[in-house]
Protein backbone atom coordinates (compact mmCIF):
# COMPACT_ATOMS: atom_id res chain seq x y z
CA MET A 1 122.16 93.75 111.34
CA THR A 2 119.10 95.07 113.16
CA LEU A 3 118.99 97.99 110.75
CA LEU A 4 119.21 95.71 107.71
CA THR A 5 116.63 93.27 109.06
CA SER A 6 114.11 96.00 109.75
CA VAL A 7 114.65 97.79 106.43
CA PHE A 8 114.19 94.55 104.47
CA ALA A 9 110.99 93.81 106.40
CA ALA A 10 109.78 97.36 105.76
CA ILE A 11 110.53 97.19 102.04
CA ILE A 12 108.85 93.80 101.63
CA CYS A 13 105.81 94.94 103.57
CA THR A 14 105.58 98.19 101.60
CA VAL A 15 105.69 96.33 98.29
CA LEU A 16 102.97 93.95 99.49
CA TRP A 17 100.89 96.90 100.67
CA TYR A 18 101.11 98.67 97.30
CA ARG A 19 100.31 95.47 95.41
CA SER A 20 97.34 94.59 97.64
CA ASP A 21 93.76 95.24 96.73
CA GLU A 22 92.15 98.64 97.15
CA LYS A 23 89.97 97.55 100.07
CA ASN A 24 93.06 96.80 102.21
CA ASN A 25 91.35 93.81 103.84
CA MET A 26 94.54 92.54 105.44
CA LEU A 27 95.46 95.90 107.02
CA LEU A 28 98.97 95.76 105.55
CA HIS A 29 99.58 99.40 106.37
CA ILE A 30 99.97 98.48 110.05
CA PRO A 31 103.09 96.26 109.77
CA CYS A 32 104.42 98.64 107.14
CA PHE A 33 104.38 101.52 109.62
CA ILE A 34 105.69 99.29 112.41
CA PHE A 35 108.71 98.20 110.36
CA TRP A 36 109.47 101.68 109.03
CA GLY A 37 109.30 102.93 112.62
CA ALA A 38 111.69 100.18 113.69
CA PHE A 39 114.01 101.15 110.83
CA LEU A 40 114.05 104.78 111.98
CA MET A 41 114.75 103.67 115.54
CA TRP A 42 117.69 101.47 114.47
CA LEU A 43 118.94 104.23 112.16
CA GLY A 44 119.09 106.64 115.08
CA ASP A 45 120.88 103.99 117.12
CA ALA A 46 123.39 103.43 114.31
CA ILE A 47 124.09 107.16 113.98
CA PHE A 48 124.78 107.57 117.70
CA GLU A 49 126.85 104.39 117.84
CA TYR A 50 128.91 105.54 114.86
CA ALA A 51 129.46 108.90 116.56
CA GLU A 52 130.72 107.03 119.62
CA LEU A 53 132.84 104.32 117.96
CA GLY A 54 133.95 105.93 114.71
CA ALA A 55 135.44 103.54 112.16
CA GLU A 56 135.21 100.63 114.61
CA TYR A 57 131.45 100.64 113.99
CA PHE A 58 132.06 98.99 110.60
CA ARG A 59 134.12 96.12 112.06
CA PRO A 60 131.80 94.31 114.46
CA ALA A 61 132.67 90.92 115.92
CA PRO A 62 130.85 87.96 114.33
CA LEU A 63 129.12 87.16 117.63
CA ASP A 64 127.86 90.75 117.88
CA MET A 65 126.51 90.53 114.34
CA LEU A 66 124.71 87.29 115.16
CA ASN A 67 123.20 88.78 118.32
CA ASP A 68 122.08 91.86 116.38
CA PHE A 69 120.53 89.64 113.70
CA TYR A 70 118.56 87.72 116.35
CA LEU A 71 117.44 91.01 117.87
CA GLY A 72 116.30 92.21 114.43
CA LEU A 73 114.38 88.99 113.81
CA SER A 74 112.79 89.30 117.25
CA ALA A 75 111.68 92.85 116.45
CA VAL A 76 110.18 91.72 113.14
CA ALA A 77 108.42 88.80 114.86
CA LEU A 78 107.00 91.12 117.51
CA GLY A 79 105.76 93.49 114.80
CA LEU A 80 104.05 90.59 113.02
CA VAL A 81 102.43 89.42 116.27
CA ILE A 82 101.10 92.93 116.91
CA TRP A 83 99.72 93.04 113.36
CA LEU A 84 98.03 89.65 113.78
CA VAL A 85 96.42 90.68 117.06
CA ILE A 86 95.07 93.87 115.46
CA LEU A 87 93.89 91.85 112.47
CA LEU A 88 92.09 89.35 114.69
CA ILE A 89 90.45 92.11 116.75
CA LYS A 90 89.28 94.15 113.78
CA ASP A 91 88.31 91.06 111.73
CA PRO A 92 87.93 92.95 108.41
CA LYS A 93 86.48 89.99 106.52
CA GLY A 94 84.16 88.94 109.35
CA ARG A 95 85.39 85.36 109.43
CA ILE A 96 85.97 85.13 113.17
CA LYS A 97 82.59 86.69 113.94
CA SER A 98 80.80 84.28 111.61
CA ALA A 99 82.65 81.30 113.08
CA LEU A 100 81.85 82.30 116.66
CA PHE A 101 78.19 83.19 116.12
CA LYS A 102 77.26 80.46 113.70
CA ASN A 103 73.71 79.20 114.30
CA LYS A 104 73.80 75.57 115.33
CA LYS A 105 70.70 73.56 114.47
């Protein structure tokens, strides 16, 4: 489930990145790379787990699937938090800077 969660997040983010404007104001390439990296990590984990378990890999217990799904959602949430922090620091549209340094009369 972690593999599926991360690949769906990566695909959605990639589609949004390609459909975004040319200026890339929202820095959508960052979560795209984060989620594709997470997908590759979970893919490597799945390959090694399949090598260890064999056919049993395809028959997980429902509780294990639920735990893996929560772990996948947690990884996606962490990736989104990292993206938001980078977005707030870089402030590509200058909104935070203008709000903080607004001249008060």
